[in-house]
Structure formats: structure tokens, C-alpha cells
């Protein structure tokens, strides 16, 4: 009866065969997960593209609805009113501060 392993060379070949099998198994597993990750990234990129396209459509629709309506006059008027309010507020504070100083000096 002959055994399969007769020399140290046979042991070496057996270990090399098992090692190659294990390494190829892990590389194929790695490749599988890499393909899944790329697939998910592709799906995510497509979803982001669709969202971007929808945002673009909404912004175009808003521009069409607003049309000739310009926000600049409203913004400038609001800024002017805020500045006038702050001037009035500062003027009242300075006049009340002067009045209290005059009373203290008397």
C-alpha cells in the first residue's frame, strides 16, 4: 500500500495547494464585496443625480413663476428701513443720555 505523502516535497506541494486555495477564496470574496460596493456607489450616484435634476427643475420653475419680479427693490427698501430704525434708536439713546447728564450736572 502506498501513501500519498512520501517525501517532504509532497508535503510542500500539499501545503502550497491548500495555501493557494485559501488565498484564492479570500481574493474572490474580496472581489465580490468590492463589486457590491461599486454597485451601491453607482446607485447612490444615480440617486444624487436625480435629486440634483429635480432641484434644477424646481429652481427653473420658480424662476419662471417669478419672472420679472425682482427682489432687489424689496431688499434695498428693507435695508433702508432697518438703517432708519437703528438711527432713530441711536438718536433716542443719545438724547436720553444727554438729558440724564444735564440733570446730574444741575
N, C-alpha and C. Protein backbone atom coordinates (compact mmCIF):
# COMPACT_ATOMS: atom_id res chain seq x y z
N UNK A 1 0.83 -1.15 0.00
CA UNK A 1 0.00 0.00 0.00
C UNK A 1 0.89 1.24 0.00
N UNK A 2 0.55 2.16 -0.89
CA UNK A 2 1.35 3.39 -0.98
C UNK A 2 0.55 4.54 -0.41
N UNK A 3 1.25 5.38 0.29
CA UNK A 3 0.59 6.57 0.84
C UNK A 3 0.81 7.74 -0.10
N UNK A 4 -0.05 8.73 0.05
CA UNK A 4 0.00 9.88 -0.82
C UNK A 4 1.21 10.76 -0.50
N UNK A 5 1.56 10.84 0.76
CA UNK A 5 2.68 11.68 1.18
C UNK A 5 3.87 10.76 1.48
N UNK A 6 4.87 10.86 0.62
CA UNK A 6 6.03 10.01 0.81
C UNK A 6 7.28 10.82 1.12
N UNK A 7 7.38 12.01 0.60
CA UNK A 7 8.59 12.81 0.82
C UNK A 7 8.20 14.19 1.32
N UNK A 8 9.20 14.93 1.72
CA UNK A 8 8.94 16.30 2.19
C UNK A 8 8.47 17.19 1.04
N UNK A 9 8.83 16.82 -0.18
CA UNK A 9 8.38 17.55 -1.35
C UNK A 9 6.87 17.42 -1.50
N UNK A 10 6.31 16.29 -1.21
CA UNK A 10 4.87 16.08 -1.28
C UNK A 10 4.15 16.93 -0.23
N UNK A 11 4.74 17.06 0.95
CA UNK A 11 4.16 17.90 1.99
C UNK A 11 4.17 19.36 1.54
N UNK A 12 5.26 19.78 0.94
CA UNK A 12 5.37 21.14 0.43
C UNK A 12 4.30 21.42 -0.61
N UNK A 13 4.12 20.51 -1.56
CA UNK A 13 3.10 20.70 -2.60
C UNK A 13 1.69 20.71 -2.01
N UNK A 14 1.45 19.89 -1.01
CA UNK A 14 0.14 19.86 -0.35
C UNK A 14 -0.13 21.18 0.35
N UNK A 15 0.86 21.70 1.07
CA UNK A 15 0.69 22.98 1.77
C UNK A 15 0.54 24.12 0.76
N UNK A 16 1.31 24.10 -0.31
CA UNK A 16 1.16 25.12 -1.35
C UNK A 16 -0.23 25.08 -1.99
N UNK A 17 -0.73 23.89 -2.24
CA UNK A 17 -2.07 23.76 -2.83
C UNK A 17 -3.15 24.31 -1.92
N UNK A 18 -3.07 23.97 -0.64
CA UNK A 18 -4.06 24.47 0.33
C UNK A 18 -3.93 25.99 0.46
N UNK A 19 -2.70 26.50 0.51
CA UNK A 19 -2.49 27.94 0.63
C UNK A 19 -3.05 28.69 -0.57
N UNK A 20 -2.81 28.18 -1.76
CA UNK A 20 -3.34 28.81 -2.97
C UNK A 20 -4.86 28.78 -2.97
N UNK A 21 -5.46 27.69 -2.51
CA UNK A 21 -6.91 27.60 -2.43
C UNK A 21 -7.47 28.63 -1.45
N UNK A 22 -6.85 28.76 -0.28
CA UNK A 22 -7.33 29.72 0.73
C UNK A 22 -7.16 31.15 0.24
N UNK A 23 -6.01 31.46 -0.36
CA UNK A 23 -5.77 32.81 -0.87
C UNK A 23 -6.75 33.15 -1.99
N UNK A 24 -6.98 32.21 -2.89
CA UNK A 24 -7.93 32.47 -3.98
C UNK A 24 -9.35 32.63 -3.45
N UNK A 25 -9.71 31.90 -2.41
CA UNK A 25 -11.04 32.06 -1.79
C UNK A 25 -11.19 33.47 -1.22
N UNK A 26 -10.18 33.94 -0.48
CA UNK A 26 -10.27 35.27 0.11
C UNK A 26 -10.24 36.37 -0.95
N UNK A 27 -9.45 36.19 -2.01
CA UNK A 27 -9.45 37.18 -3.09
C UNK A 27 -10.79 37.22 -3.82
N UNK A 28 -11.41 36.08 -4.01
CA UNK A 28 -12.72 36.08 -4.67
C UNK A 28 -13.77 36.71 -3.76
N UNK A 29 -13.67 36.48 -2.45
CA UNK A 29 -14.58 37.11 -1.50
C UNK A 29 -14.37 38.62 -1.50
N UNK A 30 -13.12 39.05 -1.52
CA UNK A 30 -12.80 40.47 -1.59
C UNK A 30 -13.34 41.09 -2.87
N UNK A 31 -13.19 40.41 -3.97
CA UNK A 31 -13.69 40.90 -5.26
C UNK A 31 -15.21 41.02 -5.24
N UNK A 32 -15.88 40.05 -4.63
CA UNK A 32 -17.34 40.08 -4.53
C UNK A 32 -17.79 41.33 -3.76
N UNK A 33 -17.17 41.60 -2.60
CA UNK A 33 -17.57 42.76 -1.82
C UNK A 33 -17.19 44.06 -2.51
N UNK A 34 -16.08 44.07 -3.22
CA UNK A 34 -15.70 45.25 -3.97
C UNK A 34 -16.73 45.56 -5.06
N UNK A 35 -17.20 44.53 -5.73
CA UNK A 35 -18.23 44.72 -6.76
C UNK A 35 -19.52 45.24 -6.14
N UNK A 36 -19.88 44.72 -4.97
CA UNK A 36 -21.09 45.20 -4.29
C UNK A 36 -20.97 46.67 -3.89
N UNK A 37 -19.79 47.07 -3.41
CA UNK A 37 -19.58 48.46 -3.02
C UNK A 37 -19.68 49.37 -4.23
N UNK A 38 -19.07 48.98 -5.33
CA UNK A 38 -19.13 49.79 -6.55
C UNK A 38 -20.57 49.88 -7.05
N UNK A 39 -21.30 48.80 -6.94
CA UNK A 39 -22.71 48.81 -7.35
C UNK A 39 -23.52 49.78 -6.49
N UNK A 40 -23.31 49.76 -5.18
CA UNK A 40 -24.02 50.67 -4.29
C UNK A 40 -23.62 52.12 -4.57
N UNK A 41 -22.35 52.36 -4.84
CA UNK A 41 -21.91 53.71 -5.18
C UNK A 41 -22.57 54.19 -6.47
N UNK A 42 -22.72 53.29 -7.41
CA UNK A 42 -23.38 53.65 -8.66
C UNK A 42 -24.84 54.02 -8.42
N UNK A 43 -25.52 53.22 -7.60
CA UNK A 43 -26.92 53.52 -7.27
C UNK A 43 -27.03 54.86 -6.56
N UNK A 44 -26.11 55.12 -5.64
CA UNK A 44 -26.12 56.37 -4.89
C UNK A 44 -25.86 57.56 -5.82
N UNK A 45 -24.92 57.40 -6.73
CA UNK A 45 -24.63 58.48 -7.68
C UNK A 45 -25.84 58.78 -8.56
N UNK A 46 -26.53 57.75 -8.99
CA UNK A 46 -27.74 57.96 -9.80
C UNK A 46 -28.81 58.67 -9.00
N UNK A 47 -28.99 58.28 -7.72
CA UNK A 47 -29.99 58.93 -6.88
C UNK A 47 -29.65 60.40 -6.66
N UNK A 48 -28.38 60.68 -6.42
CA UNK A 48 -27.96 62.07 -6.24
C UNK A 48 -28.18 62.85 -7.53
N UNK A 49 -27.92 62.23 -8.66
CA UNK A 49 -28.16 62.89 -9.94
C UNK A 49 -29.64 63.22 -10.14
N UNK A 50 -30.51 62.28 -9.74
CA UNK A 50 -31.95 62.55 -9.86
C UNK A 50 -32.37 63.69 -8.94
N UNK A 51 -31.83 63.72 -7.72
CA UNK A 51 -32.17 64.81 -6.80
C UNK A 51 -31.68 66.13 -7.36
N UNK A 52 -30.48 66.15 -7.89
CA UNK A 52 -29.95 67.38 -8.49
C UNK A 52 -30.79 67.85 -9.66
N UNK A 53 -31.25 66.91 -10.45
CA UNK A 53 -32.10 67.25 -11.59
C UNK A 53 -33.43 67.83 -11.11
N UNK A 54 -34.00 67.25 -10.05
CA UNK A 54 -35.26 67.77 -9.51
C UNK A 54 -35.08 69.17 -8.96
N UNK A 55 -33.96 69.40 -8.26
CA UNK A 55 -33.70 70.73 -7.71
C UNK A 55 -33.56 71.73 -8.86
N UNK A 56 -32.91 71.34 -9.92
CA UNK A 56 -32.75 72.21 -11.09
C UNK A 56 -34.11 72.52 -11.70
N UNK A 57 -34.97 71.52 -11.80
CA UNK A 57 -36.31 71.74 -12.37
C UNK A 57 -37.12 72.68 -11.49
N UNK A 58 -37.03 72.49 -10.17
CA UNK A 58 -37.77 73.36 -9.25
C UNK A 58 -37.25 74.79 -9.33
N UNK A 59 -35.93 74.95 -9.39
CA UNK A 59 -35.39 76.31 -9.48
C UNK A 59 -35.80 76.98 -10.78
N UNK A 60 -35.82 76.23 -11.87
CA UNK A 60 -36.27 76.80 -13.14
C UNK A 60 -37.75 77.19 -13.08
N UNK A 61 -38.56 76.34 -12.45
CA UNK A 61 -39.98 76.64 -12.31
C UNK A 61 -40.19 77.90 -11.47
N UNK A 62 -39.41 78.03 -10.40
CA UNK A 62 -39.53 79.22 -9.56
C UNK A 62 -39.12 80.46 -10.34
N UNK A 63 -38.06 80.35 -11.12
CA UNK A 63 -37.63 81.50 -11.92
C UNK A 63 -38.69 81.88 -12.93
N UNK A 64 -39.37 80.90 -13.52
CA UNK A 64 -40.42 81.19 -14.48
C UNK A 64 -41.61 81.84 -13.80
N UNK A 65 -41.96 81.37 -12.60
CA UNK A 65 -43.11 81.94 -11.88
C UNK A 65 -42.82 83.38 -11.46
N UNK A 66 -41.61 83.58 -10.97
CA UNK A 66 -41.27 84.92 -10.50
C UNK A 66 -41.10 85.85 -11.70
N UNK A 67 -40.44 85.36 -12.73
CA UNK A 67 -40.30 86.12 -13.98
C UNK A 67 -39.66 87.48 -13.77
N UNK A 68 -40.42 88.53 -14.04
CA UNK A 68 -39.90 89.89 -13.97
C UNK A 68 -39.86 90.43 -12.56
N UNK A 69 -40.39 89.70 -11.60
CA UNK A 69 -40.39 90.15 -10.22
C UNK A 69 -38.97 90.14 -9.68
N UNK A 70 -38.53 91.28 -9.25
CA UNK A 70 -37.16 91.39 -8.76
C UNK A 70 -37.17 91.62 -7.25
N UNK A 71 -36.29 90.96 -6.57
CA UNK A 71 -36.21 91.09 -5.12
C UNK A 71 -35.32 92.25 -4.68
N UNK A 72 -34.54 92.78 -5.58
CA UNK A 72 -33.61 93.84 -5.21
C UNK A 72 -34.31 95.07 -4.64
N UNK A 73 -35.40 95.57 -5.23
CA UNK A 73 -36.07 96.73 -4.61
C UNK A 73 -36.58 96.42 -3.21
N UNK A 74 -37.09 95.23 -3.01
CA UNK A 74 -37.58 94.87 -1.67
C UNK A 74 -36.44 94.79 -0.67
N UNK A 75 -35.34 94.21 -1.08
CA UNK A 75 -34.20 94.07 -0.18
C UNK A 75 -33.62 95.44 0.15
N UNK A 76 -33.50 96.31 -0.84
CA UNK A 76 -32.94 97.64 -0.58
C UNK A 76 -33.88 98.45 0.32
N UNK A 77 -35.17 98.31 0.12
CA UNK A 77 -36.14 99.01 0.98
C UNK A 77 -36.06 98.50 2.42
N UNK A 78 -35.93 97.19 2.58
CA UNK A 78 -35.82 96.61 3.92
C UNK A 78 -34.55 97.08 4.60
N UNK A 79 -33.46 97.14 3.88
CA UNK A 79 -32.20 97.62 4.46
C UNK A 79 -32.32 99.08 4.86
N UNK A 80 -32.97 99.88 4.00
CA UNK A 80 -33.16 101.30 4.31
C UNK A 80 -33.98 101.47 5.58
N UNK A 81 -35.05 100.68 5.72
CA UNK A 81 -35.89 100.77 6.92
C UNK A 81 -35.12 100.35 8.17
N UNK A 82 -34.31 99.33 8.07
CA UNK A 82 -33.52 98.88 9.22
C UNK A 82 -32.52 99.96 9.63
N UNK A 83 -31.88 100.59 8.64
CA UNK A 83 -30.92 101.65 8.95
C UNK A 83 -31.61 102.84 9.61
N UNK A 84 -32.79 103.22 9.10
CA UNK A 84 -33.54 104.33 9.72
C UNK A 84 -33.95 103.99 11.15
N UNK A 85 -34.39 102.75 11.35
CA UNK A 85 -34.77 102.32 12.69
C UNK A 85 -33.59 102.40 13.65
N UNK A 86 -32.42 101.92 13.19
CA UNK A 86 -31.24 101.97 14.05
C UNK A 86 -30.81 103.41 14.33
N UNK A 87 -30.93 104.30 13.33
CA UNK A 87 -30.59 105.70 13.56
C UNK A 87 -31.52 106.33 14.59
N UNK A 88 -32.83 106.05 14.45
CA UNK A 88 -33.80 106.58 15.42
C UNK A 88 -33.52 106.04 16.81
N UNK A 89 -33.20 104.75 16.90
CA UNK A 89 -32.93 104.13 18.18
C UNK A 89 -31.68 104.75 18.81
N UNK A 90 -30.64 104.96 18.00
CA UNK A 90 -29.39 105.55 18.50
C UNK A 90 -29.62 107.01 18.90
N UNK A 91 -30.43 107.71 18.12
CA UNK A 91 -30.72 109.11 18.44
C UNK A 91 -31.48 109.23 19.75
N UNK A 92 -32.41 108.34 20.00
CA UNK A 92 -33.17 108.38 21.25
C UNK A 92 -32.27 108.07 22.44
N UNK A 93 -31.37 107.11 22.26
CA UNK A 93 -30.46 106.75 23.35
C UNK A 93 -29.53 107.92 23.66
N UNK A 94 -28.99 108.56 22.62
CA UNK A 94 -28.05 109.66 22.86
C UNK A 94 -28.76 110.87 23.46
N UNK A 95 -30.00 111.12 23.04
CA UNK A 95 -30.74 112.26 23.62
C UNK A 95 -31.12 111.98 25.06
N UNK A 96 -31.47 110.74 25.39
CA UNK A 96 -31.80 110.42 26.77
C UNK A 96 -30.55 110.42 27.63
N UNK A 97 -29.42 110.05 27.08
CA UNK A 97 -28.16 110.08 27.83
C UNK A 97 -27.76 111.52 28.10
N UNK A 98 -27.96 112.43 27.12
CA UNK A 98 -27.63 113.84 27.32
C UNK A 98 -28.54 114.45 28.38
N UNK A 99 -29.81 114.07 28.34
CA UNK A 99 -30.76 114.63 29.32
C UNK A 99 -30.38 114.18 30.74
N UNK A 100 -29.98 112.93 30.88
CA UNK A 100 -29.60 112.46 32.22
C UNK A 100 -28.30 113.12 32.68
N UNK A 101 -27.38 113.42 31.77
CA UNK A 101 -26.15 114.11 32.12
C UNK A 101 -26.45 115.55 32.55
N UNK A 102 -27.40 116.19 31.84
CA UNK A 102 -27.76 117.57 32.19
C UNK A 102 -28.38 117.61 33.58
N UNK A 103 -29.20 116.63 33.93
CA UNK A 103 -29.84 116.59 35.24
C UNK A 103 -28.79 116.38 36.33
N UNK A 104 -27.78 115.56 36.05
CA UNK A 104 -26.73 115.31 37.03
C UNK A 104 -25.87 116.55 37.23
N UNK A 105 -25.66 117.30 36.18
CA UNK A 105 -24.83 118.50 36.28
C UNK A 105 -25.54 119.63 37.04
N UNK A 106 -26.82 119.63 37.11
CA UNK A 106 -27.59 120.70 37.79
C UNK A 106 -27.49 120.58 39.23
